[in-house]
């Protein structure tokens, strides 16, 4: 996913995240969990009256809070703005509907807001990141890709997205192979038209646009 992010960053007129002038850092699940365990329950200050945080989305909320806290520390250390992208597959079943994804997306935004962090970007593929990649690599690339979001995220399903992506890659296709396709322009982020991807790309563009130059 880092190569996809990098392409969008460059489309927004900024240097590659892999360039020597940028600071790019991966935070592990363990690193987020370690920070999240220190959080106490949050009052309902940012939620609609009478609406409780669903147990399912509390994970996304706390992850966003943890990443925001880490990012703010990095920003203070670096002396410059930090953009923090929280990647989580939605992983719903075909019957879960768009409300599940929307709840997850909003929970991340709420988590960033709880820590007063404006540089947070939810990256929540629906149902999972393979759908975004299939959009660009399928026989009719970039056509009717929104339908991929209605597929099951279960890797054990007979027609799983994971297996479909594997069939679209050369034998022995790997992470490096996918990165090469992105770098060579075979996967073009500005042509992917899917609600979950559009939400990510739009939010990232907004946050990048608010970053002071330098």
Foldseek 3Di string as FASTA:
>chain_A
DLLLVQLLCVVLVDHGCPDPVHDDDDQDPVQLVVQLVPDDDDPCPPDDPPDDQDPVQVVLLSSLLSQLVVQVVVCVVVVFHDAEEDEDALQAALPPDCVSVVSNQVSNVNSNVVNPHLRYFYQYDQRGPLLLVCLLQPPPHLPPSQVSSSHGCDPPDPDHSVVVSCVSAPVVDDPVNSSVCSVVVSRRLVSRDYVSSVSRSVSNSVSSVPTDDD
